[in-house]
C-alpha atoms as a PDB file:
ATOM      1  CA  UNK A   1      -0.344   7.549   4.896  1.00  0.00           C
ATOM      2  CA  UNK A   2      -0.175  10.997   3.347  1.00  0.00           C
ATOM      3  CA  UNK A   3       3.491  11.376   4.294  1.00  0.00           C
ATOM      4  CA  UNK A   4       4.474   8.464   2.047  1.00  0.00           C
ATOM      5  CA  UNK A   5       5.288   9.477  -1.531  1.00  0.00           C
ATOM      6  CA  UNK A   6       2.518   8.397  -3.945  1.00  0.00           C
ATOM      7  CA  UNK A   7       4.798   6.002  -5.853  1.00  0.00           C
ATOM      8  CA  UNK A   8       5.647   4.115  -2.651  1.00  0.00           C
ATOM      9  CA  UNK A   9       2.193   3.980  -1.051  1.00  0.00           C
ATOM     10  CA  UNK A  10       1.201   0.613  -2.455  1.00  0.00           C
ATOM     11  CA  UNK A  11       4.454  -0.982  -1.361  1.00  0.00           C
ATOM     12  CA  UNK A  12       4.352   0.548   2.124  1.00  0.00           C
ATOM     13  CA  UNK A  13       0.693  -0.372   2.593  1.00  0.00           C
ATOM     14  CA  UNK A  14       1.363  -3.929   1.407  1.00  0.00           C
ATOM     15  CA  UNK A  15       4.200  -4.400   3.918  1.00  0.00           C
ATOM     16  CA  UNK A  16       2.087  -2.853   6.667  1.00  0.00           C
ATOM     17  CA  UNK A  17      -0.804  -5.212   5.923  1.00  0.00           C
ATOM     18  CA  UNK A  18       1.550  -8.210   5.815  1.00  0.00           C
ATOM     19  CA  UNK A  19       3.029  -7.311   9.202  1.00  0.00           C
ATOM     20  CA  UNK A  20      -0.409  -6.609  10.685  1.00  0.00           C
ATOM     21  CA  UNK A  21      -1.988  -9.861   9.510  1.00  0.00           C
ATOM     22  CA  UNK A  22       1.093 -11.879  10.503  1.00  0.00           C
ATOM     23  CA  UNK A  23       0.863 -10.392  13.991  1.00  0.00           C
ATOM     24  CA  UNK A  24      -2.820 -11.235  14.273  1.00  0.00           C
ATOM     25  CA  UNK A  25      -2.287 -14.786  13.084  1.00  0.00           C
ATOM     26  CA  UNK A  26       0.702 -15.493  15.312  1.00  0.00           C
ATOM     27  CA  UNK A  27      -1.079 -13.906  18.294  1.00  0.00           C
ATOM     28  CA  UNK A  28      -4.099 -16.120  17.719  1.00  0.00           C
ATOM     29  CA  UNK A  29      -1.958 -19.234  17.441  1.00  0.00           C
ATOM     30  CA  UNK A  30       0.023 -18.379  20.578  1.00  0.00           C
ATOM     31  CA  UNK A  31      -3.169 -17.569  22.484  1.00  0.00           C
ATOM     32  CA  UNK A  32      -4.667 -20.873  21.410  1.00  0.00           C
ATOM     33  CA  UNK A  33      -1.540 -22.694  22.551  1.00  0.00           C
ATOM     34  CA  UNK A  34      -1.581 -20.956  25.931  1.00  0.00           C
ATOM     35  CA  UNK A  35      -5.292 -21.619  26.346  1.00  0.00           C
ATOM     36  CA  UNK A  36      -5.063 -25.307  25.529  1.00  0.00           C
ATOM     37  CA  UNK A  37      -1.769 -25.761  27.397  1.00  0.00           C
ATOM     38  CA  UNK A  38      -3.109 -24.300  30.634  1.00  0.00           C
ATOM     39  CA  UNK A  39      -6.405 -26.143  30.391  1.00  0.00           C
ATOM     40  CA  UNK A  40      -9.410 -25.241  28.309  1.00  0.00           C
ATOM     41  CA  UNK A  41     -11.345 -23.819  31.249  1.00  0.00           C
ATOM     42  CA  UNK A  42     -10.998 -20.725  33.384  1.00  0.00           C
ATOM     43  CA  UNK A  43      -7.279 -21.322  34.010  1.00  0.00           C
ATOM     44  CA  UNK A  44      -6.521 -21.324  30.298  1.00  0.00           C
ATOM     45  CA  UNK A  45      -8.539 -18.189  29.717  1.00  0.00           C
ATOM     46  CA  UNK A  46      -6.883 -16.424  32.644  1.00  0.00           C
ATOM     47  CA  UNK A  47      -3.395 -17.429  31.484  1.00  0.00           C
ATOM     48  CA  UNK A  48      -4.046 -16.211  27.926  1.00  0.00           C
ATOM     49  CA  UNK A  49      -5.480 -12.945  29.281  1.00  0.00           C
ATOM     50  CA  UNK A  50      -2.512 -12.285  31.587  1.00  0.00           C
ATOM     51  CA  UNK A  51       0.059 -13.042  28.883  1.00  0.00           C
ATOM     52  CA  UNK A  52      -1.840 -10.853  26.416  1.00  0.00           C
ATOM     53  CA  UNK A  53      -2.006  -7.968  28.898  1.00  0.00           C
ATOM     54  CA  UNK A  54       1.725  -8.219  29.637  1.00  0.00           C
ATOM     55  CA  UNK A  55       2.675  -8.284  25.959  1.00  0.00           C
ATOM     56  CA  UNK A  56       0.407  -5.329  25.182  1.00  0.00           C
ATOM     57  CA  UNK A  57       1.878  -3.368  28.075  1.00  0.00           C
ATOM     58  CA  UNK A  58       5.388  -4.147  26.884  1.00  0.00           C
ATOM     59  CA  UNK A  59       4.521  -2.994  23.369  1.00  0.00           C
ATOM     60  CA  UNK A  60       3.182   0.327  24.704  1.00  0.00           C
ATOM     61  CA  UNK A  61       6.444   0.795  26.584  1.00  0.00           C
ATOM     62  CA  UNK A  62       8.403  -0.049  23.446  1.00  0.00           C
ATOM     63  CA  UNK A  63       6.423   2.457  21.375  1.00  0.00           C
ATOM     64  CA  UNK A  64       6.932   5.167  24.000  1.00  0.00           C
ATOM     65  CA  UNK A  65      10.668   4.469  24.057  1.00  0.00           C
ATOM     66  CA  UNK A  66      10.878   4.408  20.253  1.00  0.00           C
ATOM     67  CA  UNK A  67       9.040   7.689  19.784  1.00  0.00           C
ATOM     68  CA  UNK A  68      11.323   9.437  22.264  1.00  0.00           C
ATOM     69  CA  UNK A  69      14.433   7.826  20.872  1.00  0.00           C
ATOM     70  CA  UNK A  70      13.750   7.939  17.144  1.00  0.00           C
ATOM     71  CA  UNK A  71      11.929  11.243  16.611  1.00  0.00           C
ATOM     72  CA  UNK A  72      13.847  14.492  16.273  1.00  0.00           C
ATOM     73  CA  UNK A  73      13.676  17.111  18.997  1.00  0.00           C
ATOM     74  CA  UNK A  74      11.152  19.637  17.695  1.00  0.00           C
ATOM     75  CA  UNK A  75      10.911  21.734  20.830  1.00  0.00           C
ATOM     76  CA  UNK A  76      11.334  25.474  20.539  1.00  0.00           C
ATOM     77  CA  UNK A  77      14.503  26.533  22.234  1.00  0.00           C
ATOM     78  CA  UNK A  78      15.153  30.010  23.402  1.00  0.00           C
ATOM     79  CA  UNK A  79      18.161  31.615  21.881  1.00  0.00           C
ATOM     80  CA  UNK A  80      19.923  34.107  23.962  1.00  0.00           C
END
């Protein structure tokens, strides 16, 4: 948050909140669809849990890839 210039903070925070709330809403709707589609009992709960775990794992992998790919190399290199 502090890295964003003061004039742009409101705009950046607004877009962040929009993306965050859209993700929560769509995740809830998809989870509800999986739960009701697989049966409203244990099978539905298990299916929603497994799909959620897989998607979360994929997002962690994506974030790890993106940080390696998109951040500059800040390592100290020996000159000599």
